[in-house]
Amino acid sequence: MRSSHSPARLGAVFDDPNLIADAGLIPVVRLAERARLGELVSEAVRISGADNSGGANPAAKVLTVVAAMAAGADSIDDVDRLRHSAMPVVFDEIKAPSTVGTFLRSFTHGHGLQLHRVHRQFLGEPATHAPLLPGAGQVAFIDIAPTHKRVYGRAKQGAQIGRFQGIRTLHPLLATISTPTARPVIAAVRLREGKAADARGAARFVADSLAAADQAGCRGMRIVRADSKFYTADVVAACRRRGAYSSLSTGMNPSIAAAIAGIAADAWRQIRYPRAVVDPDTGELISEAEVAEIPAYTAFAGKPKHQQVTARLIVRRVRDLAKPPIEGEQGELFPVWRYHPIFTDSPIETLQAEQQHRDHAVIEQVIADGKSGPLAHLPSGRFNANAAWLILWAISYNLLRATGTLASVFHAKATTATLRAQLIHIPARIARSARKLTLHLPKHWPWQHAWTQLFTATHAPPTTA
């Protein structure tokens, strides 16, 4: 590929009032309106008082931020992306970055809870307009994981030097919902201070995540998956109160080590993973392991009797190639093993249960997706404003997931970066004819069929009886 004209014969002028850069936002915003996002915000979010002048018309401000995030905004200033050329022709009430900043800084913890309610309700709405979670009526997985987001500036509230020496962070907690045939959507998010313990408030968070799963139509078997930081009696109890199963990595302790030592040599069964999984100890990819089960292991034995839980301990072991075999013995006959136990009360067969637990890593893809987009920054100096930004990202993420399912089978599982590149960032010229607007899009756009299918699905007239 090369330039077709010399520099002297090529110019550039910003003067066309009928162009827009992100025509894909038109069906995205239409889908948000069909899913009643503005109405949910108006009903739930109430920001008033002398110190909260930015709280007027919260629905327009939320939709502005969500649309900007769908287009890739990772800071408050990026909202200005929505205010170019003919965008006011196709959208009303586009708010300025300064207005959005004032709105976010108006949030208190209570207002954040109101926005959490909107997020949970909105999760159920797109499912009525798009096949967001196919198979949720049979089985759904609720994955929980913490992450850390590096921030800069000592004035940023809640940012502290935690587990990463010398690095100031805030500490989001996420829960996602997925099925065997659907990419995950975000069930719940929380923002904590940088030094907050991973499992702080985990039981309440699990209950909120399962309530969101109910809202999303997960009426079948629900399995909560998490790593060893969430292996607590409170988390297991929260799952059971909501009628869900749990599948939790346990780590190693003397009780578990003694239980593993009692497994008979002939009880280990070979397992091969269709997709290689990451070894949590070494970071290497592994595709083969051995698995055994202890059918009745009593966890939390040091707790009061009513908090102790007896369920299955499923153990995966892989050879520890970093350690030499015992001196004087043959490594093939007496290898050194590393063990990775999980504690679960699900009724799923041993090998399948172990393999499904390893798919917990799908939540890391969601975290990476966010950090490469709207979570590249937590843009405000105020903690509650950043907490609201995190919730708005979750709403925007779920909206884009619904958008992808309406476009094509490929886009139903694509990352949000791919959705933006192929469906959102598409230029269009607006032509007016009488009372109708026509979008003139690029000829031979590679994803024309998917975009047209999305546009048709979100603009189809209501059916009549």
Protein backbone atom coordinates (compact mmCIF):
# COMPACT_ATOMS: atom_id res chain seq x y z
CA MET A 1 0.00 0.00 0.00
CA ARG A 2 1.32 3.48 -0.84
CA SER A 3 0.10 7.04 -1.27
CA SER A 4 -1.68 7.80 -4.54
CA HIS A 5 -0.87 11.53 -4.55
CA SER A 6 2.16 13.64 -3.81
CA PRO A 7 2.04 15.91 -0.74
CA ALA A 8 1.68 18.96 -2.94
CA ARG A 9 -1.50 17.57 -4.47
CA LEU A 10 -3.20 16.57 -1.23
CA GLY A 11 -4.93 18.81 1.31
CA ALA A 12 -7.17 18.46 4.38
CA VAL A 13 -9.96 20.72 5.61
CA PHE A 14 -12.29 20.21 8.60
CA ASP A 15 -15.41 21.76 7.09
CA ASP A 16 -18.10 19.12 6.45
CA PRO A 17 -21.11 19.64 8.76
CA ASN A 18 -22.82 16.41 7.68
CA LEU A 19 -20.19 13.83 8.69
CA ILE A 20 -20.01 11.73 11.84
CA ALA A 21 -17.13 9.48 12.84
CA ASP A 22 -18.97 6.89 14.92
CA ALA A 23 -22.15 5.94 13.08
CA GLY A 24 -22.23 2.68 15.01
CA LEU A 25 -23.34 4.60 18.08
CA ILE A 26 -26.74 5.12 16.46
CA PRO A 27 -27.89 1.47 16.84
CA VAL A 28 -26.05 1.18 20.17
CA VAL A 29 -27.91 4.12 21.70
CA ARG A 30 -31.16 2.88 20.17
CA LEU A 31 -30.62 -0.47 21.89
CA ALA A 32 -29.95 1.31 25.19
CA GLU A 33 -33.21 3.21 24.78
CA ARG A 34 -35.14 0.04 23.98
CA ALA A 35 -33.64 -1.50 27.11
CA ARG A 36 -34.98 1.49 29.10
CA LEU A 37 -31.61 2.68 30.39
CA GLY A 38 -32.71 6.31 30.60
CA GLU A 39 -35.93 5.39 32.38
CA LEU A 40 -34.12 3.18 34.89
CA VAL A 41 -31.70 6.00 35.71
CA SER A 42 -34.52 8.53 36.10
CA GLU A 43 -36.38 6.20 38.46
CA ALA A 44 -33.41 5.23 40.63
CA VAL A 45 -30.81 8.02 40.69
CA ARG A 46 -31.67 11.06 42.79
CA ILE A 47 -28.89 13.61 43.26
CA SER A 48 -30.15 16.78 44.90
CA GLY A 49 -29.18 19.41 47.44
CA ALA A 50 -27.11 22.55 47.47
CA ASP A 51 -23.82 20.66 47.12
CA ASN A 52 -25.06 18.45 44.29
CA SER A 53 -25.84 20.90 41.51
CA GLY A 54 -24.53 18.43 38.93
CA GLY A 55 -27.33 15.94 39.57
CA ALA A 56 -29.99 17.42 37.28
CA ASN A 57 -31.17 15.21 34.41
CA PRO A 58 -29.05 12.18 35.35
CA ALA A 59 -30.45 10.04 32.51
CA ALA A 60 -28.94 12.24 29.78
CA LYS A 61 -25.59 12.33 31.58
CA VAL A 62 -25.45 8.58 32.10
CA LEU A 63 -26.34 7.91 28.46
CA THR A 64 -23.67 10.40 27.37
CA VAL A 65 -20.97 8.64 29.38
CA VAL A 66 -22.12 5.14 28.34
CA ALA A 67 -22.13 6.14 24.66
CA ALA A 68 -18.70 7.75 24.98
CA MET A 69 -17.35 4.58 26.62
CA ALA A 70 -18.87 2.48 23.84
CA ALA A 71 -16.84 4.62 21.44
CA GLY A 72 -13.69 4.07 23.52
CA ALA A 73 -13.58 6.98 25.98
CA ASP A 74 -11.19 6.36 28.87
CA SER A 75 -11.32 9.82 30.44
CA ILE A 76 -13.90 12.51 31.11
CA ASP A 77 -12.41 14.75 28.41
CA ASP A 78 -13.02 11.99 25.84
CA VAL A 79 -16.75 12.68 26.10
CA ASP A 80 -16.05 15.58 23.72
CA ARG A 81 -15.78 12.93 21.01
CA LEU A 82 -19.58 12.92 20.87
CA ARG A 83 -19.91 16.61 20.04
CA HIS A 84 -18.42 16.87 16.55
CA SER A 85 -20.02 17.82 13.24
CA ALA A 86 -23.48 16.27 12.69
CA MET A 87 -23.67 14.31 15.97
CA PRO A 88 -26.28 16.77 17.37
CA VAL A 89 -28.41 15.95 14.32
CA VAL A 90 -28.77 12.27 15.28
CA PHE A 91 -28.53 12.64 19.08
CA ASP A 92 -30.16 15.00 21.56
CA GLU A 93 -28.87 16.11 24.97
CA ILE A 94 -25.20 15.34 24.45
CA LYS A 95 -23.50 16.63 27.58
CA ALA A 96 -20.15 18.42 27.70
CA PRO A 97 -17.15 16.94 29.57
CA SER A 98 -17.37 19.67 32.20
CA THR A 99 -21.01 18.76 32.86
CA VAL A 100 -20.15 15.07 33.08
CA GLY A 101 -17.28 15.81 35.48
CA THR A 102 -19.55 17.83 37.77
CA PHE A 103 -22.12 15.01 37.66
CA LEU A 104 -19.61 12.33 38.66
CA ARG A 105 -18.17 14.46 41.46
CA SER A 106 -21.69 14.83 42.85
CA PHE A 107 -21.83 11.13 43.72
CA THR A 108 -21.80 9.88 47.27
CA HIS A 109 -21.74 6.26 48.40
CA GLY A 110 -25.55 6.27 48.51
CA HIS A 111 -25.79 7.56 44.94
CA GLY A 112 -23.41 4.77 43.92
CA LEU A 113 -25.84 2.24 45.39
CA GLN A 114 -28.59 3.80 43.28
CA LEU A 115 -26.43 3.37 40.17
CA HIS A 116 -25.69 -0.25 41.16
CA ARG A 117 -29.44 -0.82 41.15
CA VAL A 118 -29.65 0.61 37.62
CA HIS A 119 -26.84 -1.69 36.47
CA ARG A 120 -28.52 -4.77 37.90
CA GLN A 121 -31.90 -3.90 36.38
CA PHE A 122 -30.38 -2.96 33.03
CA LEU A 123 -28.64 -6.34 32.82
CA GLY A 124 -32.03 -8.01 32.58
CA GLU A 125 -33.43 -5.59 29.98
CA PRO A 126 -31.10 -6.26 26.99
CA ALA A 127 -31.69 -9.98 27.45
CA THR A 128 -35.28 -9.36 26.28
CA HIS A 129 -34.00 -7.71 23.08
CA ALA A 130 -30.87 -9.77 22.32
CA PRO A 131 -29.66 -13.36 22.95
CA LEU A 132 -27.24 -12.15 25.62
CA LEU A 133 -26.88 -15.35 27.69
CA PRO A 134 -28.06 -18.36 25.66
CA GLY A 135 -28.36 -21.46 27.83
CA ALA A 136 -28.71 -19.50 31.09
CA GLY A 137 -31.86 -21.48 31.83
CA GLN A 138 -29.74 -24.64 32.13
CA VAL A 139 -26.41 -23.61 33.67
CA ALA A 140 -24.65 -20.32 34.36
CA PHE A 141 -21.26 -19.57 35.88
CA ILE A 142 -20.76 -16.59 38.17
CA ASP A 143 -17.05 -15.74 38.34
CA ILE A 144 -15.60 -13.43 40.97
CA ALA A 145 -12.14 -11.85 40.89
CA PRO A 146 -10.36 -8.76 42.21
CA THR A 147 -7.96 -6.61 40.27
CA HIS A 148 -5.75 -3.61 40.90
CA LYS A 149 -5.68 -0.45 38.81
CA ARG A 150 -2.60 1.70 39.01
CA VAL A 151 -3.33 5.39 39.50
CA TYR A 152 -1.15 8.46 39.72
CA GLY A 153 -1.23 11.45 42.05
CA ARG A 154 -1.30 11.51 45.83
CA ALA A 155 -4.56 13.48 45.85
CA LYS A 156 -6.59 10.59 44.40
CA GLN A 157 -8.87 9.40 47.19
CA GLY A 158 -8.54 5.76 48.23
CA ALA A 159 -5.35 5.15 46.25
CA GLN A 160 -2.80 3.38 48.44
CA ILE A 161 0.38 1.39 48.12
CA GLY A 162 -0.81 -2.18 48.59
CA ARG A 163 0.64 -5.47 47.46
CA PHE A 164 2.63 -3.81 44.66
CA GLN A 165 5.49 -2.08 46.42
CA GLY A 166 5.83 1.54 45.40
CA ILE A 167 2.71 1.51 43.17
CA ARG A 168 -0.46 3.32 44.18
CA THR A 169 -3.63 1.47 43.21
CA LEU A 170 -7.37 1.33 43.54
CA HIS A 171 -8.90 -2.09 43.97
CA PRO A 172 -11.97 -3.02 41.85
CA LEU A 173 -13.88 -6.25 42.45
CA LEU A 174 -15.80 -7.82 39.57
CA ALA A 175 -18.35 -10.58 39.05
CA THR A 176 -19.30 -11.91 35.63
CA ILE A 177 -21.97 -14.26 34.31
CA SER A 178 -21.30 -16.65 31.45
CA THR A 179 -22.67 -19.85 29.97
CA PRO A 180 -20.93 -22.62 28.03
CA THR A 181 -21.96 -20.90 24.77
CA ALA A 182 -21.84 -17.19 25.69
CA ARG A 183 -19.14 -14.67 26.53
CA PRO A 184 -19.42 -13.18 30.00
CA VAL A 185 -21.38 -10.12 30.97
CA ILE A 186 -20.72 -8.13 34.13
CA ALA A 187 -23.03 -8.95 37.03
CA ALA A 188 -21.60 -6.60 39.66
CA VAL A 189 -18.66 -4.30 40.35
CA ARG A 190 -17.30 -2.63 43.47
CA LEU A 191 -14.44 -0.19 43.95
CA ARG A 192 -12.33 -0.53 47.10
CA GLU A 193 -9.28 1.25 48.45
CA GLY A 194 -5.89 0.01 47.33
CA LYS A 195 -5.10 -1.89 50.54
CA ALA A 196 -8.53 -3.51 50.88
CA ALA A 197 -8.41 -7.27 51.42
CA ASP A 198 -9.61 -9.23 48.39
CA ALA A 199 -12.32 -11.05 50.34
CA ARG A 200 -13.59 -8.04 52.29
CA GLY A 201 -17.37 -7.95 51.91
CA ALA A 202 -17.20 -10.98 49.62
CA ALA A 203 -20.33 -12.67 51.01
CA ARG A 204 -22.48 -9.59 50.31
CA PHE A 205 -20.89 -9.23 46.90
CA VAL A 206 -21.69 -12.87 46.06
CA ALA A 207 -25.32 -12.33 47.10
CA ASP A 208 -25.57 -9.21 44.91
CA SER A 209 -24.02 -11.06 41.97
CA LEU A 210 -26.48 -13.93 42.28
CA ALA A 211 -29.35 -11.44 42.47
CA ALA A 212 -28.09 -9.93 39.21
CA ALA A 213 -27.93 -13.43 37.70
CA ASP A 214 -31.59 -13.90 38.63
CA GLN A 215 -32.36 -10.58 36.93
CA ALA A 216 -30.57 -11.80 33.80
CA GLY A 217 -32.71 -14.94 33.58
CA CYS A 218 -30.32 -17.50 35.08
CA ARG A 219 -33.00 -19.91 36.31
CA GLY A 220 -31.05 -23.18 36.06
CA MET A 221 -27.96 -24.42 37.86
CA ARG A 222 -25.70 -21.57 38.99
CA ILE A 223 -22.09 -22.16 39.99
CA VAL A 224 -19.99 -19.49 41.69
CA ARG A 225 -16.31 -19.81 40.79
CA ALA A 226 -13.45 -17.98 42.51
CA ASP A 227 -9.83 -18.37 43.53
CA SER A 228 -8.47 -19.20 46.97
CA LYS A 229 -8.89 -15.65 48.33
CA PHE A 230 -12.64 -16.34 48.42
CA TYR A 231 -12.39 -19.79 50.02
CA THR A 232 -14.27 -18.79 53.16
CA ALA A 233 -17.22 -20.13 55.12
CA ASP A 234 -19.12 -16.88 54.53
CA VAL A 235 -18.83 -17.16 50.73
CA VAL A 236 -20.01 -20.78 50.71
CA ALA A 237 -22.91 -19.87 53.00
CA ALA A 238 -23.89 -16.94 50.76
CA CYS A 239 -24.01 -19.28 47.75
CA ARG A 240 -26.16 -21.80 49.56
CA ARG A 241 -28.60 -19.19 50.82
CA ARG A 242 -29.23 -18.16 47.20
CA GLY A 243 -29.56 -21.77 45.99
CA ALA A 244 -26.25 -21.73 44.09
CA TYR A 245 -23.31 -24.10 44.06
CA SER A 246 -19.73 -23.02 44.73
CA SER A 247 -16.42 -24.02 43.13
CA LEU A 248 -13.49 -22.44 44.97
CA SER A 249 -9.74 -22.90 44.73
CA THR A 250 -8.44 -23.63 48.21
CA GLY A 251 -4.69 -23.31 48.15
CA MET A 252 -2.69 -25.67 50.37
CA ASN A 253 -2.92 -25.97 54.15
CA PRO A 254 -2.06 -28.83 56.54
CA SER A 255 -5.61 -30.23 56.51
CA ILE A 256 -5.82 -30.30 52.73
CA ALA A 257 -2.28 -31.65 52.39
CA ALA A 258 -3.17 -34.52 54.74
CA ALA A 259 -6.33 -35.27 52.75
CA ILE A 260 -4.40 -35.33 49.47
CA ALA A 261 -1.77 -37.63 50.98
CA GLY A 262 -4.53 -40.17 51.65
CA ILE A 263 -5.58 -40.45 47.99
CA ALA A 264 -4.85 -43.92 46.62
CA ALA A 265 -2.35 -44.13 43.77
CA ASP A 266 -4.89 -45.77 41.46
CA ALA A 267 -7.50 -43.04 42.08
CA TRP A 268 -5.80 -40.51 39.81
CA ARG A 269 -7.35 -40.10 36.36
CA GLN A 270 -5.79 -38.52 33.30
CA ILE A 271 -7.34 -35.30 31.95
CA ARG A 272 -6.54 -33.45 28.74
CA TYR A 273 -7.74 -29.88 28.32
CA PRO A 274 -9.19 -28.92 24.91
CA ARG A 275 -7.49 -25.55 25.41
CA ALA A 276 -4.29 -25.25 27.39
CA VAL A 277 -4.75 -23.63 30.80
CA VAL A 278 -2.35 -21.41 32.72
CA ASP A 279 -0.55 -23.02 35.64
CA PRO A 280 -1.16 -20.64 38.58
CA ASP A 281 2.26 -21.42 40.09
CA THR A 282 4.52 -21.09 37.05
CA GLY A 283 2.42 -19.17 34.52
CA GLU A 284 3.15 -21.88 31.94
CA LEU A 285 0.48 -23.40 29.72
CA ILE A 286 -0.43 -26.99 30.47
CA SER A 287 -2.69 -29.32 28.51
CA GLU A 288 -2.43 -32.55 30.55
CA ALA A 289 -2.84 -33.33 34.24
CA GLU A 290 -4.18 -35.95 36.63
CA VAL A 291 -7.31 -35.53 38.75
CA ALA A 292 -8.68 -37.30 41.80
CA GLU A 293 -11.58 -36.63 44.15
CA ILE A 294 -12.12 -36.81 47.89
CA PRO A 295 -15.92 -37.17 48.02
CA ALA A 296 -16.39 -35.95 51.62
CA TYR A 297 -14.01 -33.30 52.89
CA THR A 298 -15.02 -31.07 55.80
CA ALA A 299 -13.89 -27.51 55.21
CA PHE A 300 -13.46 -24.76 57.82
CA ALA A 301 -13.00 -27.29 60.61
CA GLY A 302 -11.76 -24.54 62.94
CA LYS A 303 -15.08 -22.69 62.65
CA PRO A 304 -18.20 -23.31 64.77
CA LYS A 305 -20.12 -26.44 63.81
CA HIS A 306 -22.82 -24.57 61.88
CA GLN A 307 -20.20 -22.97 59.60
CA GLN A 308 -18.39 -26.19 58.71
CA VAL A 309 -19.19 -27.55 55.26
CA THR A 310 -18.70 -31.08 53.98
CA ALA A 311 -18.44 -31.37 50.20
CA ARG A 312 -16.11 -32.59 47.46
CA LEU A 313 -12.40 -31.82 47.22
CA ILE A 314 -11.25 -32.22 43.63
CA VAL A 315 -7.47 -32.22 43.20
CA ARG A 316 -5.50 -31.64 40.03
CA ARG A 317 -1.83 -32.50 40.01
CA VAL A 318 0.88 -31.70 37.48
CA ARG A 319 4.52 -32.64 37.45
CA ASP A 320 6.86 -30.10 38.97
CA LEU A 321 9.59 -30.05 36.36
CA ALA A 322 11.44 -27.30 38.24
CA LYS A 323 12.29 -29.73 41.07
CA PRO A 324 14.50 -32.78 40.48
CA PRO A 325 13.22 -36.22 41.52
CA ILE A 326 14.22 -37.66 44.86
CA GLU A 327 17.91 -38.52 44.78
CA GLY A 328 18.60 -42.12 43.89
CA GLU A 329 15.16 -42.79 42.45
CA GLN A 330 13.91 -42.67 38.88
CA GLY A 331 12.02 -39.53 38.01
CA GLU A 332 9.54 -41.35 35.79
CA LEU A 333 8.58 -43.68 38.64
CA PHE A 334 8.73 -41.16 41.48
CA PRO A 335 8.00 -37.71 40.06
CA VAL A 336 7.54 -34.57 42.13
CA TRP A 337 3.99 -33.20 41.91
CA ARG A 338 2.30 -29.86 42.45
CA TYR A 339 -1.30 -29.98 43.64
CA HIS A 340 -4.18 -27.59 42.88
CA PRO A 341 -7.31 -28.45 44.94
CA ILE A 342 -10.79 -27.01 44.52
CA PHE A 343 -13.67 -27.28 46.97
CA THR A 344 -17.08 -27.70 45.37
CA ASP A 345 -20.58 -28.86 46.23
CA SER A 346 -21.75 -29.05 42.61
CA PRO A 347 -23.18 -32.34 41.30
CA ILE A 348 -21.11 -32.25 38.10
CA GLU A 349 -18.89 -35.25 37.26
CA THR A 350 -15.31 -34.99 38.55
CA LEU A 351 -13.34 -34.36 35.36
CA GLN A 352 -15.95 -32.00 33.95
CA ALA A 353 -16.16 -30.08 37.24
CA GLU A 354 -12.38 -29.64 37.33
CA GLN A 355 -12.25 -28.52 33.72
CA GLN A 356 -15.12 -26.07 34.20
CA HIS A 357 -13.41 -24.57 37.22
CA ARG A 358 -10.33 -23.80 35.12
CA ASP A 359 -12.57 -21.75 32.83
CA HIS A 360 -12.84 -19.29 35.73
CA ALA A 361 -9.98 -17.49 33.97
CA VAL A 362 -12.56 -16.07 31.53
CA ILE A 363 -13.08 -13.19 33.97
CA GLU A 364 -9.47 -12.11 33.40
CA GLN A 365 -10.38 -11.45 29.76
CA VAL A 366 -13.12 -9.07 30.91
CA ILE A 367 -10.68 -7.27 33.21
CA ALA A 368 -8.13 -6.97 30.41
CA ASP A 369 -10.86 -5.74 28.08
CA GLY A 370 -11.76 -2.97 30.51
CA LYS A 371 -8.16 -1.92 31.15
CA SER A 372 -7.56 -1.59 27.42
CA GLY A 373 -10.61 0.67 27.13
CA PRO A 374 -12.60 2.79 29.62
CA LEU A 375 -10.65 1.45 32.63
CA ALA A 376 -7.33 2.58 31.21
CA HIS A 377 -7.81 5.37 33.75
CA LEU A 378 -9.95 5.99 36.79
CA PRO A 379 -10.21 9.64 35.83
CA SER A 380 -11.35 11.56 38.89
CA GLY A 381 -9.60 12.55 42.09
CA ARG A 382 -12.71 11.61 44.07
CA PHE A 383 -13.30 8.02 45.13
CA ASN A 384 -17.08 8.00 44.61
CA ALA A 385 -16.73 9.56 41.17
CA ASN A 386 -14.37 6.73 40.17
CA ALA A 387 -16.77 4.20 41.69
CA ALA A 388 -19.53 5.63 39.48
CA TRP A 389 -17.20 5.53 36.46
CA LEU A 390 -16.59 1.81 37.16
CA ILE A 391 -20.34 1.08 37.24
CA LEU A 392 -20.91 3.04 34.03
CA TRP A 393 -18.17 0.98 32.37
CA ALA A 394 -20.00 -2.20 33.43
CA ILE A 395 -23.23 -0.89 31.89
CA SER A 396 -21.41 0.08 28.68
CA TYR A 397 -19.68 -3.32 28.52
CA ASN A 398 -22.97 -5.20 28.81
CA LEU A 399 -24.55 -2.93 26.21
CA LEU A 400 -21.73 -3.71 23.76
CA ARG A 401 -22.09 -7.44 24.45
CA ALA A 402 -25.79 -7.19 23.52
CA THR A 403 -24.83 -5.16 20.46
CA GLY A 404 -22.47 -7.89 19.28
CA THR A 405 -25.08 -10.61 19.62
CA LEU A 406 -27.43 -8.65 17.33
CA ALA A 407 -24.73 -8.11 14.70
CA SER A 408 -23.41 -11.61 13.97
CA VAL A 409 -22.26 -14.88 15.51
CA PHE A 410 -18.65 -13.68 15.28
CA HIS A 411 -19.35 -10.35 16.99
CA ALA A 412 -21.31 -12.08 19.76
CA LYS A 413 -17.95 -13.34 21.08
CA ALA A 414 -15.64 -10.56 19.89
CA THR A 415 -13.81 -8.25 22.29
CA THR A 416 -15.15 -4.75 22.77
CA ALA A 417 -12.08 -3.40 20.95
CA THR A 418 -13.12 -5.43 17.89
CA LEU A 419 -16.72 -4.26 18.22
CA ARG A 420 -15.54 -0.65 18.24
CA ALA A 421 -13.24 -1.09 15.26
CA GLN A 422 -15.76 -2.92 13.08
CA LEU A 423 -19.19 -1.69 14.20
CA ILE A 424 -18.78 1.62 16.07
CA HIS A 425 -15.96 3.54 14.36
CA ILE A 426 -17.62 3.71 10.97
CA PRO A 427 -17.92 7.16 9.31
CA ALA A 428 -21.17 8.29 7.74
CA ARG A 429 -22.48 11.27 5.84
CA ILE A 430 -25.97 12.40 6.83
CA ALA A 431 -28.38 13.41 4.07
CA ARG A 432 -31.77 14.98 4.73
CA SER A 433 -34.82 14.29 2.63
CA ALA A 434 -38.10 15.78 3.85
CA ARG A 435 -38.33 14.43 7.44
CA LYS A 436 -36.04 11.45 6.89
CA LEU A 437 -32.31 11.15 7.55
CA THR A 438 -30.22 8.77 5.46
CA LEU A 439 -26.78 7.58 6.50
CA HIS A 440 -24.34 7.20 3.62
CA LEU A 441 -21.73 4.69 4.80
CA PRO A 442 -18.43 3.59 3.19
CA LYS A 443 -18.84 1.34 0.19
CA HIS A 444 -17.27 -2.11 0.54
CA TRP A 445 -17.08 -1.84 4.34
CA PRO A 446 -15.86 -5.35 5.29
CA TRP A 447 -18.44 -5.72 8.06
CA GLN A 448 -21.35 -4.22 6.15
CA HIS A 449 -23.63 -7.23 6.60
CA ALA A 450 -23.13 -7.37 10.38
CA TRP A 451 -23.65 -3.61 10.74
CA THR A 452 -26.80 -3.72 8.62
CA GLN A 453 -28.16 -6.60 10.67
CA LEU A 454 -27.50 -4.64 13.86
CA PHE A 455 -29.13 -1.48 12.48
CA THR A 456 -32.19 -3.41 11.30
CA ALA A 457 -32.58 -5.22 14.63
CA THR A 458 -32.51 -1.98 16.63
CA HIS A 459 -34.67 0.09 14.24
CA ALA A 460 -37.28 -2.46 13.22
CA PRO A 461 -40.80 -1.04 13.72
CA PRO A 462 -42.81 -2.58 16.56
CA THR A 463 -44.85 -5.59 15.54
CA THR A 464 -48.62 -5.24 15.43
CA ALA A 465 -51.11 -7.88 16.41
